[in-house]
């Protein structure tokens, strides 16, 4: 009993000092380990401070549940992202970093998916020290400083992967990135065992882009007009079209990029335009998130306030679910 009390006091002391001095934590944990025989420094320290867990397996069932319950109308994205992440995280010796390129119009769920992925890899999600978000218009605004921006980007990624092999890098607004800039990180995505003494093989890179949205919409519309279900669209129907389309698009951020030339992007993932029924799902999800009872009259009113295209058929929401939160505020 005395030993148990001593251990408890040591653990509490370690918790208090963890924010100030890791050495003191180590001393406390070492003493506790001597008494218990099983408590490791890493296990204990990571309970109170965020740790890089590049080797930690992915909770596949939790990710699957998040994607299926929170992402609407995106069967391709759900399927591909789930398989890609599970396969990558289960591989103890990947040959290259995992690189995903997400494409589709605004409001279809690209940013939301990157948030879900981040939260399933690190408990703090986008606020994690090991998840890094770059916004093109914010971080790389000057076209005349591409060389400087490229060097800074390389240094930032190198430093963070050196600190945590399982770092996650998200590039938002890729379609607004100056042509050629993204190729600065090409060596980190390639099949090198190390680059300047650093291995990038366990890192994850996610690109978010509106580029290709027109190609995706055309395919979805063709299926609809042919009387086919959107769920019948397969990745093989869109991925080749997307990769060629963004490669030849000067406003994609990947125009004539070596990342595509060298096949370094593992998956081009299309996000389909959202229909009226999907917008209603988004409204219900937002009401639930706010702790409100689901009122179907409000759900219908919010969905009907959205504008839809094409002009004649009015099938797809032109803003996806992007303005659902603000519109719900008025009801």
Protein backbone atom coordinates (compact mmCIF):
# COMPACT_ATOMS: atom_id res chain seq x y z
CA UNK A 1 0.00 0.00 0.00
CA UNK A 2 2.84 2.37 0.86
CA UNK A 3 4.49 1.62 -2.45
CA UNK A 4 1.24 2.44 -4.25
CA UNK A 5 0.96 5.79 -2.47
CA UNK A 6 4.58 6.57 -3.31
CA UNK A 7 4.00 5.79 -6.98
CA UNK A 8 0.91 8.00 -7.05
CA UNK A 9 2.81 10.91 -5.54
CA UNK A 10 5.64 10.49 -8.01
CA UNK A 11 3.25 10.40 -10.96
CA UNK A 12 1.42 13.49 -9.79
CA UNK A 13 4.71 15.27 -9.30
CA UNK A 14 5.77 14.30 -12.81
CA UNK A 15 2.52 15.66 -14.23
CA UNK A 16 3.09 19.01 -12.55
CA UNK A 17 6.67 19.42 -13.72
CA UNK A 18 6.15 18.05 -17.23
CA UNK A 19 5.28 21.49 -18.53
CA UNK A 20 8.55 22.85 -17.18
CA UNK A 21 11.38 20.38 -17.33
CA UNK A 22 11.54 16.96 -19.05
CA UNK A 23 14.56 15.94 -16.96
CA UNK A 24 12.51 16.19 -13.77
CA UNK A 25 9.82 14.14 -15.44
CA UNK A 26 12.41 11.53 -16.30
CA UNK A 27 13.60 11.34 -12.70
CA UNK A 28 10.05 10.93 -11.41
CA UNK A 29 9.20 8.34 -14.03
CA UNK A 30 12.42 6.48 -13.35
CA UNK A 31 11.58 6.27 -9.67
CA UNK A 32 8.02 5.18 -10.44
CA UNK A 33 9.33 2.57 -12.86
CA UNK A 34 11.60 1.17 -10.18
CA UNK A 35 8.57 0.65 -7.96
CA UNK A 36 6.17 -0.67 -10.59
CA UNK A 37 8.56 -2.37 -12.97
CA UNK A 38 6.62 -1.54 -16.14
CA UNK A 39 6.14 2.21 -16.62
CA UNK A 40 8.30 3.58 -19.45
CA UNK A 41 9.40 7.17 -19.90
CA UNK A 42 7.83 7.42 -23.35
CA UNK A 43 4.48 5.95 -22.35
CA UNK A 44 4.17 8.19 -19.33
CA UNK A 45 5.51 11.40 -20.85
CA UNK A 46 3.21 11.09 -23.87
CA UNK A 47 0.18 11.11 -21.59
CA UNK A 48 0.88 14.71 -20.71
CA UNK A 49 2.78 16.07 -23.69
CA UNK A 50 2.16 15.47 -27.39
CA UNK A 51 4.56 12.95 -28.87
CA UNK A 52 5.42 11.98 -32.41
CA UNK A 53 4.10 8.47 -32.88
CA UNK A 54 5.18 7.69 -36.42
CA UNK A 55 5.10 3.95 -35.66
CA UNK A 56 1.71 4.02 -33.96
CA UNK A 57 -0.88 1.99 -35.93
CA UNK A 58 -3.91 3.75 -37.32
CA UNK A 59 -7.28 3.07 -35.72
CA UNK A 60 -8.87 2.01 -38.99
CA UNK A 61 -12.35 1.47 -37.58
CA UNK A 62 -12.41 4.98 -36.07
CA UNK A 63 -11.32 6.57 -39.36
CA UNK A 64 -13.88 4.51 -41.30
CA UNK A 65 -16.65 5.61 -38.94
CA UNK A 66 -15.65 9.27 -39.17
CA UNK A 67 -15.61 9.23 -42.96
CA UNK A 68 -18.87 7.32 -43.33
CA UNK A 69 -20.79 9.36 -40.76
CA UNK A 70 -19.39 12.85 -41.39
CA UNK A 71 -18.58 13.01 -45.10
CA UNK A 72 -21.58 13.13 -47.41
CA UNK A 73 -21.85 12.21 -51.07
CA UNK A 74 -18.19 11.27 -51.50
CA UNK A 75 -18.01 7.51 -51.90
CA UNK A 76 -14.75 7.70 -53.87
CA UNK A 77 -12.96 9.89 -51.34
CA UNK A 78 -14.13 7.72 -48.44
CA UNK A 79 -12.98 4.52 -50.08
CA UNK A 80 -9.63 5.73 -51.42
CA UNK A 81 -8.52 7.72 -48.37
CA UNK A 82 -9.39 4.86 -46.04
CA UNK A 83 -7.47 2.27 -48.08
CA UNK A 84 -4.52 4.59 -48.71
CA UNK A 85 -4.03 5.53 -45.05
CA UNK A 86 -4.53 2.01 -43.70
CA UNK A 87 -2.09 0.57 -46.22
CA UNK A 88 0.49 3.27 -45.59
CA UNK A 89 0.32 3.15 -41.79
CA UNK A 90 0.42 -0.65 -41.74
CA UNK A 91 3.57 -0.67 -43.87
CA UNK A 92 6.55 -0.54 -41.52
CA UNK A 93 8.92 0.22 -44.37
CA UNK A 94 7.22 2.44 -46.99
CA UNK A 95 9.29 3.27 -50.06
CA UNK A 96 8.13 6.89 -50.23
CA UNK A 97 5.98 9.47 -48.47
CA UNK A 98 2.22 9.12 -48.97
CA UNK A 99 0.99 11.87 -51.29
CA UNK A 100 -2.70 12.53 -51.88
CA UNK A 101 -4.16 15.19 -54.18
CA UNK A 102 -7.79 16.11 -53.43
CA UNK A 103 -9.78 17.85 -56.17
CA UNK A 104 -13.25 19.35 -56.47
CA UNK A 105 -15.30 22.53 -56.14
CA UNK A 106 -15.42 24.48 -52.88
CA UNK A 107 -17.73 23.09 -50.22
CA UNK A 108 -17.50 19.45 -51.31
CA UNK A 109 -15.47 18.33 -48.27
CA UNK A 110 -11.76 18.54 -49.10
CA UNK A 111 -10.77 20.66 -46.11
CA UNK A 112 -13.12 18.69 -43.89
CA UNK A 113 -11.47 15.41 -44.91
CA UNK A 114 -8.00 16.79 -44.22
CA UNK A 115 -9.25 17.71 -40.73
CA UNK A 116 -10.64 14.18 -40.20
CA UNK A 117 -7.36 12.64 -41.35
CA UNK A 118 -5.32 14.90 -39.05
CA UNK A 119 -7.53 14.08 -36.05
CA UNK A 120 -7.20 10.36 -36.68
CA UNK A 121 -3.42 10.58 -36.90
CA UNK A 122 -2.87 12.99 -34.00
CA UNK A 123 -5.34 13.68 -31.20
CA UNK A 124 -4.89 17.46 -31.52
CA UNK A 125 -5.70 17.34 -35.22
CA UNK A 126 -4.85 20.52 -37.10
CA UNK A 127 -3.56 22.03 -33.84
CA UNK A 128 -0.95 19.29 -33.49
CA UNK A 129 2.73 20.21 -33.55
CA UNK A 130 3.14 17.48 -36.17
CA UNK A 131 0.43 18.65 -38.60
CA UNK A 132 1.35 21.62 -40.77
CA UNK A 133 -1.09 23.61 -42.89
CA UNK A 134 0.10 25.82 -45.75
CA UNK A 135 -2.34 28.22 -47.44
CA UNK A 136 -1.03 29.40 -50.80
CA UNK A 137 -2.38 32.95 -50.68
CA UNK A 138 -1.14 33.42 -47.10
CA UNK A 139 2.23 31.67 -47.03
CA UNK A 140 3.34 32.08 -50.66
CA UNK A 141 1.78 35.35 -51.91
CA UNK A 142 4.72 36.71 -53.94
CA UNK A 143 5.23 35.29 -57.41
CA UNK A 144 8.56 37.10 -57.76
CA UNK A 145 9.93 35.29 -54.69
CA UNK A 146 9.41 31.71 -55.85
CA UNK A 147 13.06 30.73 -55.29
CA UNK A 148 13.07 32.15 -51.77
CA UNK A 149 9.69 30.58 -50.99
CA UNK A 150 10.91 27.22 -52.30
CA UNK A 151 14.02 27.33 -50.12
CA UNK A 152 11.97 28.30 -47.05
CA UNK A 153 9.48 25.53 -47.76
CA UNK A 154 12.27 22.96 -48.05
CA UNK A 155 13.85 24.10 -44.79
CA UNK A 156 10.51 24.05 -42.97
CA UNK A 157 9.65 20.52 -44.12
CA UNK A 158 13.18 19.25 -43.50
CA UNK A 159 13.20 20.61 -39.95
CA UNK A 160 9.80 19.20 -39.08
CA UNK A 161 10.40 15.74 -40.54
CA UNK A 162 13.74 15.64 -38.70
CA UNK A 163 11.77 16.22 -35.48
CA UNK A 164 8.94 13.83 -36.39
CA UNK A 165 9.18 11.29 -39.20
CA UNK A 166 5.39 10.98 -39.30
CA UNK A 167 4.71 14.66 -39.92
CA UNK A 168 1.66 15.62 -41.97
CA UNK A 169 1.76 18.53 -44.46
CA UNK A 170 -1.45 19.97 -45.92
CA UNK A 171 -1.30 22.41 -48.85
CA UNK A 172 -4.57 24.31 -49.26
CA UNK A 173 -5.51 26.38 -52.32
CA UNK A 174 -3.09 24.52 -54.55
CA UNK A 175 -4.83 26.08 -57.56
CA UNK A 176 -3.56 29.46 -56.36
CA UNK A 177 0.03 28.30 -55.88
CA UNK A 178 2.53 29.81 -58.30
CA UNK A 179 3.58 27.33 -61.01
CA UNK A 180 6.80 25.52 -60.20
CA UNK A 181 6.86 26.23 -56.47
CA UNK A 182 5.56 22.83 -55.38
CA UNK A 183 8.40 21.13 -57.27
CA UNK A 184 10.73 22.42 -54.55
CA UNK A 185 9.54 19.52 -52.37
CA UNK A 186 9.86 16.89 -55.11
CA UNK A 187 12.97 15.24 -53.55
CA UNK A 188 11.00 14.67 -50.33
CA UNK A 189 8.22 12.82 -52.16
CA UNK A 190 10.52 10.69 -54.30
CA UNK A 191 11.77 7.14 -53.72
CA UNK A 192 14.98 8.16 -51.93
CA UNK A 193 15.93 6.34 -48.76
CA UNK A 194 17.25 9.63 -47.37
CA UNK A 195 17.77 13.20 -48.54
CA UNK A 196 20.67 14.94 -46.78
CA UNK A 197 20.48 12.41 -43.96
CA UNK A 198 16.72 12.69 -43.44
CA UNK A 199 14.14 10.05 -44.40
CA UNK A 200 10.76 11.36 -45.58
CA UNK A 201 9.23 7.96 -46.22
CA UNK A 202 6.82 8.08 -43.27
CA UNK A 203 5.58 11.62 -43.89
CA UNK A 204 2.18 12.40 -45.42
CA UNK A 205 1.51 15.18 -47.96
CA UNK A 206 -2.04 16.26 -48.82
CA UNK A 207 -2.85 18.75 -51.61
CA UNK A 208 -6.25 20.48 -51.74
CA UNK A 209 -7.33 22.05 -55.00
CA UNK A 210 -10.38 23.37 -56.85
CA UNK A 211 -8.61 22.54 -60.11
CA UNK A 212 -10.32 19.74 -61.97
CA UNK A 213 -13.70 20.60 -60.49
CA UNK A 214 -15.10 21.17 -63.97
CA UNK A 215 -13.89 17.75 -65.16
CA UNK A 216 -15.39 16.02 -62.13
CA UNK A 217 -18.71 17.82 -62.57
CA UNK A 218 -18.86 16.88 -66.26
CA UNK A 219 -18.36 13.21 -65.42
CA UNK A 220 -21.00 13.31 -62.65
CA UNK A 221 -23.44 15.09 -64.96
CA UNK A 222 -22.84 12.59 -67.77
CA UNK A 223 -23.67 9.75 -65.38
CA UNK A 224 -26.82 11.54 -64.16
CA UNK A 225 -28.05 12.25 -67.67
CA UNK A 226 -27.43 8.61 -68.61
CA UNK A 227 -29.62 7.51 -65.70
CA UNK A 228 -26.68 6.07 -63.74
CA UNK A 229 -26.09 6.46 -60.02
CA UNK A 230 -23.25 8.72 -58.86
CA UNK A 231 -22.13 5.77 -56.71
CA UNK A 232 -21.39 3.88 -59.93
CA UNK A 233 -18.58 6.33 -60.75
CA UNK A 234 -15.25 4.60 -60.12
CA UNK A 235 -11.82 6.04 -59.45
CA UNK A 236 -10.57 4.69 -62.78
CA UNK A 237 -13.21 6.82 -64.54
CA UNK A 238 -11.82 10.06 -63.15
CA UNK A 239 -8.24 9.69 -61.94
CA UNK A 240 -6.56 9.63 -65.40
CA UNK A 241 -8.67 12.58 -66.54
CA UNK A 242 -7.78 14.51 -63.37
CA UNK A 243 -4.03 13.89 -63.52
CA UNK A 244 -3.81 14.99 -67.18
CA UNK A 245 -6.18 17.90 -66.59
CA UNK A 246 -4.26 19.44 -63.68
CA UNK A 247 -0.91 18.76 -65.39
CA UNK A 248 -2.02 20.88 -68.34
CA UNK A 249 -3.82 23.51 -66.26
CA UNK A 250 -1.66 26.60 -65.63
CA UNK A 251 -3.79 27.46 -62.61
CA UNK A 252 -3.64 24.09 -60.84
CA UNK A 253 -0.39 24.55 -58.93
CA UNK A 254 0.73 21.32 -60.61
CA UNK A 255 1.14 22.67 -64.14
CA UNK A 256 3.85 20.59 -65.87
CA UNK A 257 4.93 19.47 -62.40
CA UNK A 258 7.62 16.86 -61.88
CA UNK A 259 5.41 15.38 -59.18
CA UNK A 260 3.02 14.18 -61.87
CA UNK A 261 5.74 13.49 -64.44
CA UNK A 262 7.51 11.19 -61.96
CA UNK A 263 4.25 9.62 -60.72
CA UNK A 264 4.94 10.81 -57.18
CA UNK A 265 1.30 11.59 -56.38
CA UNK A 266 -0.16 8.31 -55.15
CA UNK A 267 -3.83 9.17 -55.63
CA UNK A 268 -5.80 11.91 -57.39
CA UNK A 269 -9.02 11.89 -55.38
CA UNK A 270 -12.14 13.46 -56.92
CA UNK A 271 -14.78 15.15 -54.76
CA UNK A 272 -18.11 15.05 -56.55
CA UNK A 273 -20.50 18.04 -56.62
CA UNK A 274 -23.14 17.77 -53.90
CA UNK A 275 -26.85 17.31 -54.58
CA UNK A 276 -29.85 18.69 -52.69
CA UNK A 277 -30.07 15.57 -50.48
CA UNK A 278 -26.42 15.95 -49.47
CA UNK A 279 -26.95 19.58 -48.49
CA UNK A 280 -29.78 18.46 -46.21
CA UNK A 281 -27.41 15.92 -44.62
CA UNK A 282 -24.93 18.74 -43.98
CA UNK A 283 -27.64 20.84 -42.32
CA UNK A 284 -28.66 17.96 -40.04
CA UNK A 285 -25.02 17.31 -39.12
CA UNK A 286 -24.49 20.97 -38.25
CA UNK A 287 -27.63 21.07 -36.11
CA UNK A 288 -26.46 17.94 -34.31
CA UNK A 289 -23.01 19.46 -33.75
CA UNK A 290 -24.67 22.50 -32.16
CA UNK A 291 -26.67 20.31 -29.83
CA UNK A 292 -29.95 21.33 -31.46
CA UNK A 293 -32.89 19.05 -32.12
CA UNK A 294 -33.23 18.14 -35.80
CA UNK A 295 -36.07 20.25 -37.23
CA UNK A 296 -36.85 18.99 -40.73
CA UNK A 297 -38.67 22.21 -41.63
CA UNK A 298 -35.49 24.19 -40.96
CA UNK A 299 -33.40 21.59 -42.77
CA UNK A 300 -35.59 21.99 -45.86
CA UNK A 301 -35.62 25.80 -45.70
CA UNK A 302 -31.83 26.04 -45.43
CA UNK A 303 -31.33 23.58 -48.30
CA UNK A 304 -33.81 25.45 -50.50
CA UNK A 305 -31.97 28.72 -49.94
CA UNK A 306 -28.93 27.31 -51.72
CA UNK A 307 -28.48 27.83 -55.45
CA UNK A 308 -28.10 24.86 -57.79
CA UNK A 309 -26.74 24.22 -61.28
CA UNK A 310 -26.91 23.54 -64.24
CA UNK A 311 -29.47 26.20 -64.98
CA UNK A 312 -32.08 23.82 -66.36
CA UNK A 313 -31.64 20.70 -64.22
CA UNK A 314 -30.56 22.39 -60.95
CA UNK A 315 -28.87 19.24 -59.63
CA UNK A 316 -25.74 20.40 -57.81
CA UNK A 317 -25.20 23.01 -55.11
CA UNK A 318 -22.85 25.67 -56.48
CA UNK A 319 -21.27 26.16 -53.04
CA UNK A 320 -21.58 22.58 -51.83
CA UNK A 321 -22.12 22.75 -48.07
CA UNK A 322 -19.78 25.69 -47.57
CA UNK A 323 -22.41 28.23 -46.46
CA UNK A 324 -24.59 25.86 -44.43
CA UNK A 325 -23.25 27.11 -41.07
CA UNK A 326 -23.86 30.78 -41.78
CA UNK A 327 -27.31 30.16 -43.29
CA UNK A 328 -28.35 28.08 -40.32
CA UNK A 329 -27.59 31.06 -38.07
CA UNK A 330 -30.63 32.83 -39.55
CA UNK A 331 -33.06 30.10 -38.47
